Amino acid sequence: MKPCLCGGKKFAPRKAGSPQQFCCQAHCRAYETAARRYVRQEIAQGRLTVLQVKTGTKRARTSARAAVDPSHA
């Protein structure tokens, strides 16, 4: 049994395919929606670029806040 990333409910992951992270499709869709919303906000606020999303890099540059607070790195 494994806990669902979206709600913590324990479930038995399927045997084939990609590792299952959610107990149901509704939780998977909710995660995907929240992730898209988060990325859009980060891009709009200048903390993330489309290039960083495409290449998977954390940050192209270090912001002043990240230099002060390592939790934002």
PDB file of N, CA and C in Angstrom:
ATOM      1  N   MET A   1       0.848  -1.180   0.000  1.00  0.00           N
ATOM      2  CA  MET A   1       0.000   0.000   0.000  1.00  0.00           C
ATOM      3  C   MET A   1       0.892   1.242   0.000  1.00  0.00           C
ATOM      4  N   LYS A   2       0.409   2.245  -0.693  1.00  0.00           N
ATOM      5  CA  LYS A   2       1.173   3.471  -0.870  1.00  0.00           C
ATOM      6  C   LYS A   2       0.236   4.662  -0.637  1.00  0.00           C
ATOM      7  N   PRO A   3       0.714   5.761  -0.011  1.00  0.00           N
ATOM      8  CA  PRO A   3      -0.165   6.917   0.200  1.00  0.00           C
ATOM      9  C   PRO A   3      -0.307   7.757  -1.072  1.00  0.00           C
ATOM     10  N   CYS A   4      -1.515   8.196  -1.354  1.00  0.00           N
ATOM     11  CA  CYS A   4      -1.799   9.075  -2.482  1.00  0.00           C
ATOM     12  C   CYS A   4      -1.136  10.432  -2.208  1.00  0.00           C
ATOM     13  N   LEU A   5      -0.457  11.003  -3.202  1.00  0.00           N
ATOM     14  CA  LEU A   5       0.202  12.295  -3.029  1.00  0.00           C
ATOM     15  C   LEU A   5      -0.799  13.429  -2.834  1.00  0.00           C
ATOM     16  N   CYS A   6      -2.016  13.227  -3.257  1.00  0.00           N
ATOM     17  CA  CYS A   6      -3.013  14.297  -3.204  1.00  0.00           C
ATOM     18  C   CYS A   6      -3.864  14.265  -1.937  1.00  0.00           C
ATOM     19  N   GLY A   7      -3.990  13.141  -1.315  1.00  0.00           N
ATOM     20  CA  GLY A   7      -4.850  13.087  -0.147  1.00  0.00           C
ATOM     21  C   GLY A   7      -4.355  12.190   0.968  1.00  0.00           C
ATOM     22  N   GLY A   8      -3.314  11.421   0.698  1.00  0.00           N
ATOM     23  CA  GLY A   8      -2.752  10.559   1.720  1.00  0.00           C
ATOM     24  C   GLY A   8      -3.434   9.211   1.863  1.00  0.00           C
ATOM     25  N   LYS A   9      -4.561   9.019   1.172  1.00  0.00           N
ATOM     26  CA  LYS A   9      -5.281   7.751   1.239  1.00  0.00           C
ATOM     27  C   LYS A   9      -4.389   6.627   0.709  1.00  0.00           C
ATOM     28  N   LYS A  10      -4.347   5.521   1.413  1.00  0.00           N
ATOM     29  CA  LYS A  10      -3.534   4.377   0.995  1.00  0.00           C
ATOM     30  C   LYS A  10      -4.222   3.662  -0.166  1.00  0.00           C
ATOM     31  N   PHE A  11      -3.423   3.233  -1.152  1.00  0.00           N
ATOM     32  CA  PHE A  11      -3.965   2.498  -2.289  1.00  0.00           C
ATOM     33  C   PHE A  11      -2.925   1.498  -2.777  1.00  0.00           C
ATOM     34  N   ALA A  12      -3.382   0.515  -3.523  1.00  0.00           N
ATOM     35  CA  ALA A  12      -2.487  -0.491  -4.103  1.00  0.00           C
ATOM     36  C   ALA A  12      -2.151  -0.045  -5.524  1.00  0.00           C
ATOM     37  N   PRO A  13      -0.899   0.361  -5.787  1.00  0.00           N
ATOM     38  CA  PRO A  13      -0.537   0.819  -7.135  1.00  0.00           C
ATOM     39  C   PRO A  13      -0.666  -0.294  -8.166  1.00  0.00           C
ATOM     40  N   ARG A  14      -0.948   0.104  -9.396  1.00  0.00           N
ATOM     41  CA  ARG A  14      -1.034  -0.877 -10.486  1.00  0.00           C
ATOM     42  C   ARG A  14       0.347  -1.493 -10.701  1.00  0.00           C
ATOM     43  N   LYS A  15       0.369  -2.619 -11.339  1.00  0.00           N
ATOM     44  CA  LYS A  15       1.624  -3.363 -11.532  1.00  0.00           C
ATOM     45  C   LYS A  15       2.406  -2.903 -12.766  1.00  0.00           C
ATOM     46  N   ALA A  16       1.718  -2.447 -13.806  1.00  0.00           N
ATOM     47  CA  ALA A  16       2.382  -2.104 -15.071  1.00  0.00           C
ATOM     48  C   ALA A  16       2.405  -0.589 -15.288  1.00  0.00           C
ATOM     49  N   GLY A  17       3.253  -0.163 -16.213  1.00  0.00           N
ATOM     50  CA  GLY A  17       3.303   1.244 -16.587  1.00  0.00           C
ATOM     51  C   GLY A  17       4.138   2.079 -15.629  1.00  0.00           C
ATOM     52  N   SER A  18       3.926   3.385 -15.719  1.00  0.00           N
ATOM     53  CA  SER A  18       4.649   4.328 -14.852  1.00  0.00           C
ATOM     54  C   SER A  18       4.232   4.139 -13.407  1.00  0.00           C
ATOM     55  N   PRO A  19       5.127   4.449 -12.478  1.00  0.00           N
ATOM     56  CA  PRO A  19       4.763   4.330 -11.065  1.00  0.00           C
ATOM     57  C   PRO A  19       3.544   5.209 -10.744  1.00  0.00           C
ATOM     58  N   GLN A  20       2.566   4.632 -10.127  1.00  0.00           N
ATOM     59  CA  GLN A  20       1.326   5.332  -9.806  1.00  0.00           C
ATOM     60  C   GLN A  20       1.511   6.159  -8.537  1.00  0.00           C
ATOM     61  N   GLN A  21       1.142   7.439  -8.595  1.00  0.00           N
ATOM     62  CA  GLN A  21       1.320   8.351  -7.473  1.00  0.00           C
ATOM     63  C   GLN A  21       0.004   8.747  -6.801  1.00  0.00           C
ATOM     64  N   PHE A  22      -1.111   8.522  -7.483  1.00  0.00           N
ATOM     65  CA  PHE A  22      -2.418   8.959  -6.993  1.00  0.00           C
ATOM     66  C   PHE A  22      -3.390   7.789  -6.962  1.00  0.00           C
ATOM     67  N   CYS A  23      -4.335   7.852  -6.043  1.00  0.00           N
ATOM     68  CA  CYS A  23      -5.285   6.749  -5.874  1.00  0.00           C
ATOM     69  C   CYS A  23      -6.361   6.728  -6.953  1.00  0.00           C
ATOM     70  N   CYS A  24      -6.587   7.882  -7.626  1.00  0.00           N
ATOM     71  CA  CYS A  24      -7.639   7.945  -8.641  1.00  0.00           C
ATOM     72  C   CYS A  24      -7.323   9.030  -9.673  1.00  0.00           C
ATOM     73  N   GLN A  25      -8.048   8.994 -10.791  1.00  0.00           N
ATOM     74  CA  GLN A  25      -7.848   9.972 -11.856  1.00  0.00           C
ATOM     75  C   GLN A  25      -8.195  11.380 -11.400  1.00  0.00           C
ATOM     76  N   ALA A  26      -9.184  11.539 -10.548  1.00  0.00           N
ATOM     77  CA  ALA A  26      -9.589  12.868 -10.079  1.00  0.00           C
ATOM     78  C   ALA A  26      -8.437  13.537  -9.319  1.00  0.00           C
ATOM     79  N   HIS A  27      -7.734  12.785  -8.493  1.00  0.00           N
ATOM     80  CA  HIS A  27      -6.596  13.340  -7.755  1.00  0.00           C
ATOM     81  C   HIS A  27      -5.438  13.657  -8.699  1.00  0.00           C
ATOM     82  N   CYS A  28      -5.227  12.829  -9.709  1.00  0.00           N
ATOM     83  CA  CYS A  28      -4.190  13.083 -10.695  1.00  0.00           C
ATOM     84  C   CYS A  28      -4.499  14.372 -11.459  1.00  0.00           C
ATOM     85  N   ARG A  29      -5.746  14.541 -11.895  1.00  0.00           N
ATOM     86  CA  ARG A  29      -6.147  15.762 -12.611  1.00  0.00           C
ATOM     87  C   ARG A  29      -6.025  16.989 -11.718  1.00  0.00           C
ATOM     88  N   ALA A  30      -6.384  16.876 -10.452  1.00  0.00           N
ATOM     89  CA  ALA A  30      -6.276  18.006  -9.521  1.00  0.00           C
ATOM     90  C   ALA A  30      -4.817  18.425  -9.361  1.00  0.00           C
ATOM     91  N   TYR A  31      -3.925  17.463  -9.272  1.00  0.00           N
ATOM     92  CA  TYR A  31      -2.495  17.754  -9.176  1.00  0.00           C
ATOM     93  C   TYR A  31      -2.001  18.469 -10.437  1.00  0.00           C
ATOM     94  N   GLU A  32      -2.350  17.933 -11.599  1.00  0.00           N
ATOM     95  CA  GLU A  32      -1.924  18.528 -12.861  1.00  0.00           C
ATOM     96  C   GLU A  32      -2.437  19.965 -12.997  1.00  0.00           C
ATOM     97  N   THR A  33      -3.674  20.210 -12.612  1.00  0.00           N
ATOM     98  CA  THR A  33      -4.254  21.552 -12.671  1.00  0.00           C
ATOM     99  C   THR A  33      -3.509  22.499 -11.747  1.00  0.00           C
ATOM    100  N   ALA A  34      -3.245  22.063 -10.531  1.00  0.00           N
ATOM    101  CA  ALA A  34      -2.523  22.898  -9.568  1.00  0.00           C
ATOM    102  C   ALA A  34      -1.093  23.181 -10.041  1.00  0.00           C
ATOM    103  N   ALA A  35      -0.446  22.186 -10.637  1.00  0.00           N
ATOM    104  CA  ALA A  35       0.919  22.369 -11.129  1.00  0.00           C
ATOM    105  C   ALA A  35       0.953  23.393 -12.261  1.00  0.00           C
ATOM    106  N   ARG A  36       0.000  23.303 -13.188  1.00  0.00           N
ATOM    107  CA  ARG A  36      -0.054  24.283 -14.285  1.00  0.00           C
ATOM    108  C   ARG A  36      -0.303  25.682 -13.748  1.00  0.00           C
ATOM    109  N   ARG A  37      -1.208  25.809 -12.794  1.00  0.00           N
ATOM    110  CA  ARG A  37      -1.518  27.111 -12.195  1.00  0.00           C
ATOM    111  C   ARG A  37      -0.269  27.693 -11.507  1.00  0.00           C
ATOM    112  N   TYR A  38       0.439  26.870 -10.773  1.00  0.00           N
ATOM    113  CA  TYR A  38       1.645  27.301 -10.070  1.00  0.00           C
ATOM    114  C   TYR A  38       2.710  27.793 -11.055  1.00  0.00           C
ATOM    115  N   VAL A  39       2.937  27.025 -12.120  1.00  0.00           N
ATOM    116  CA  VAL A  39       3.948  27.412 -13.105  1.00  0.00           C
ATOM    117  C   VAL A  39       3.556  28.719 -13.784  1.00  0.00           C
ATOM    118  N   ARG A  40       2.277  28.873 -14.141  1.00  0.00           N
ATOM    119  CA  ARG A  40       1.832  30.134 -14.751  1.00  0.00           C
ATOM    120  C   ARG A  40       2.098  31.312 -13.828  1.00  0.00           C
ATOM    121  N   GLN A  41       1.813  31.161 -12.540  1.00  0.00           N
ATOM    122  CA  GLN A  41       2.040  32.238 -11.576  1.00  0.00           C
ATOM    123  C   GLN A  41       3.525  32.561 -11.455  1.00  0.00           C
ATOM    124  N   GLU A  42       4.370  31.548 -11.392  1.00  0.00           N
ATOM    125  CA  GLU A  42       5.809  31.762 -11.275  1.00  0.00           C
ATOM    126  C   GLU A  42       6.358  32.483 -12.506  1.00  0.00           C
ATOM    127  N   ILE A  43       5.873  32.123 -13.687  1.00  0.00           N
ATOM    128  CA  ILE A  43       6.303  32.798 -14.913  1.00  0.00           C
ATOM    129  C   ILE A  43       5.820  34.241 -14.903  1.00  0.00           C
ATOM    130  N   ALA A  44       4.562  34.461 -14.531  1.00  0.00           N
ATOM    131  CA  ALA A  44       4.009  35.813 -14.504  1.00  0.00           C
ATOM    132  C   ALA A  44       4.748  36.710 -13.521  1.00  0.00           C
ATOM    133  N   GLN A  45       5.249  36.159 -12.428  1.00  0.00           N
ATOM    134  CA  GLN A  45       5.955  36.950 -11.421  1.00  0.00           C
ATOM    135  C   GLN A  45       7.458  37.021 -11.678  1.00  0.00           C
ATOM    136  N   GLY A  46       7.911  36.441 -12.793  1.00  0.00           N
ATOM    137  CA  GLY A  46       9.311  36.544 -13.181  1.00  0.00           C
ATOM    138  C   GLY A  46      10.273  35.639 -12.441  1.00  0.00           C
ATOM    139  N   ARG A  47       9.758  34.677 -11.688  1.00  0.00           N
ATOM    140  CA  ARG A  47      10.644  33.764 -10.948  1.00  0.00           C
ATOM    141  C   ARG A  47      10.991  32.508 -11.743  1.00  0.00           C
ATOM    142  N   LEU A  48      10.359  32.347 -12.903  1.00  0.00           N
ATOM    143  CA  LEU A  48      10.572  31.164 -13.732  1.00  0.00           C
ATOM    144  C   LEU A  48      10.380  31.578 -15.179  1.00  0.00           C
ATOM    145  N   THR A  49      11.135  30.955 -16.077  1.00  0.00           N
ATOM    146  CA  THR A  49      10.977  31.242 -17.497  1.00  0.00           C
ATOM    147  C   THR A  49      10.471  29.991 -18.211  1.00  0.00           C
ATOM    148  N   VAL A  50       9.915  30.186 -19.390  1.00  0.00           N
ATOM    149  CA  VAL A  50       9.463  29.049 -20.182  1.00  0.00           C
ATOM    150  C   VAL A  50      10.652  28.155 -20.521  1.00  0.00           C
ATOM    151  N   LEU A  51      11.803  28.753 -20.794  1.00  0.00           N
ATOM    152  CA  LEU A  51      13.005  27.973 -21.085  1.00  0.00           C
ATOM    153  C   LEU A  51      13.376  27.073 -19.903  1.00  0.00           C
ATOM    154  N   GLN A  52      13.256  27.591 -18.689  1.00  0.00           N
ATOM    155  CA  GLN A  52      13.561  26.773 -17.504  1.00  0.00           C
ATOM    156  C   GLN A  52      12.588  25.606 -17.393  1.00  0.00           C
ATOM    157  N   VAL A  53      11.338  25.838 -17.721  1.00  0.00           N
ATOM    158  CA  VAL A  53      10.352  24.752 -17.677  1.00  0.00           C
ATOM    159  C   VAL A  53      10.703  23.706 -18.729  1.00  0.00           C
ATOM    160  N   LYS A  54      11.043  24.157 -19.930  1.00  0.00           N
ATOM    161  CA  LYS A  54      11.376  23.229 -21.017  1.00  0.00           C
ATOM    162  C   LYS A  54      12.619  22.408 -20.725  1.00  0.00           C
ATOM    163  N   THR A  55      13.638  23.045 -20.136  1.00  0.00           N
ATOM    164  CA  THR A  55      14.911  22.351 -19.918  1.00  0.00           C
ATOM    165  C   THR A  55      15.009  21.688 -18.554  1.00  0.00           C
ATOM    166  N   GLY A  56      14.119  22.035 -17.644  1.00  0.00           N
ATOM    167  CA  GLY A  56      14.137  21.428 -16.325  1.00  0.00           C
ATOM    168  C   GLY A  56      15.143  22.033 -15.368  1.00  0.00           C
ATOM    169  N   THR A  57      15.714  23.192 -15.713  1.00  0.00           N
ATOM    170  CA  THR A  57      16.664  23.831 -14.806  1.00  0.00           C
ATOM    171  C   THR A  57      15.920  24.539 -13.695  1.00  0.00           C
ATOM    172  N   LYS A  58      16.531  24.589 -12.500  1.00  0.00           N
ATOM    173  CA  LYS A  58      15.892  25.252 -11.360  1.00  0.00           C
ATOM    174  C   LYS A  58      15.813  26.750 -11.573  1.00  0.00           C
ATOM    175  N   ARG A  59      16.955  27.384 -11.777  1.00  0.00           N
ATOM    176  CA  ARG A  59      17.002  28.835 -11.935  1.00  0.00           C
ATOM    177  C   ARG A  59      18.154  29.195 -12.869  1.00  0.00           C
ATOM    178  N   ALA A  60      17.878  30.130 -13.766  1.00  0.00           N
ATOM    179  CA  ALA A  60      18.932  30.607 -14.645  1.00  0.00           C
ATOM    180  C   ALA A  60      19.805  31.613 -13.904  1.00  0.00           C
ATOM    181  N   ARG A  61      19.213  32.303 -12.953  1.00  0.00           N
ATOM    182  CA  ARG A  61      19.948  33.294 -12.174  1.00  0.00           C
ATOM    183  C   ARG A  61      19.478  33.197 -10.728  1.00  0.00           C
ATOM    184  N   THR A  62      20.279  33.677  -9.810  1.00  0.00           N
ATOM    185  CA  THR A  62      19.913  33.675  -8.403  1.00  0.00           C
ATOM    186  C   THR A  62      19.284  35.010  -8.062  1.00  0.00           C
ATOM    187  N   SER A  63      18.095  34.986  -7.521  1.00  0.00           N
ATOM    188  CA  SER A  63      17.444  36.220  -7.121  1.00  0.00           C
ATOM    189  C   SER A  63      18.042  36.688  -5.802  1.00  0.00           C
ATOM    190  N   ALA A  64      17.834  37.950  -5.488  1.00  0.00           N
ATOM    191  CA  ALA A  64      18.331  38.506  -4.225  1.00  0.00           C
ATOM    192  C   ALA A  64      17.702  37.778  -3.048  1.00  0.00           C
ATOM    193  N   ARG A  65      16.423  37.448  -3.152  1.00  0.00           N
ATOM    194  CA  ARG A  65      15.743  36.742  -2.075  1.00  0.00           C
ATOM    195  C   ARG A  65      16.341  35.365  -1.854  1.00  0.00           C
ATOM    196  N   ALA A  66      16.696  34.670  -2.927  1.00  0.00           N
ATOM    197  CA  ALA A  66      17.283  33.338  -2.797  1.00  0.00           C
ATOM    198  C   ALA A  66      18.639  33.407  -2.125  1.00  0.00           C
ATOM    199  N   ALA A  67      19.374  34.496  -2.375  1.00  0.00           N
ATOM    200  CA  ALA A  67      20.677  34.654  -1.749  1.00  0.00           C
ATOM    201  C   ALA A  67      20.544  34.833  -0.245  1.00  0.00           C
ATOM    202  N   VAL A  68      19.445  35.429   0.202  1.00  0.00           N
ATOM    203  CA  VAL A  68      19.217  35.676   1.608  1.00  0.00           C
ATOM    204  C   VAL A  68      18.554  34.462   2.271  1.00  0.00           C
ATOM    205  N   ASP A  69      17.590  33.872   1.582  1.00  0.00           N
ATOM    206  CA  ASP A  69      16.816  32.756   2.124  1.00  0.00           C
ATOM    207  C   ASP A  69      17.062  31.509   1.293  1.00  0.00           C
ATOM    208  N   PRO A  70      17.862  30.548   1.783  1.00  0.00           N
ATOM    209  CA  PRO A  70      18.192  29.364   0.995  1.00  0.00           C
ATOM    210  C   PRO A  70      16.992  28.480   0.680  1.00  0.00           C
ATOM    211  N   SER A  71      15.862  28.656   1.359  1.00  0.00           N
ATOM    212  CA  SER A  71      14.686  27.841   1.044  1.00  0.00           C
ATOM    213  C   SER A  71      14.090  28.207  -0.305  1.00  0.00           C
ATOM    214  N   HIS A  72      14.474  29.346  -0.889  1.00  0.00           N
ATOM    215  CA  HIS A  72      13.956  29.758  -2.185  1.00  0.00           C
ATOM    216  C   HIS A  72      14.896  29.399  -3.325  1.00  0.00           C
ATOM    217  N   ALA A  73      15.946  28.700  -3.039  1.00  0.00           N
ATOM    218  CA  ALA A  73      16.935  28.345  -4.078  1.00  0.00           C
ATOM    219  C   ALA A  73      16.427  27.256  -4.972  1.00  0.00           C
TER     220      ALA A  73
END
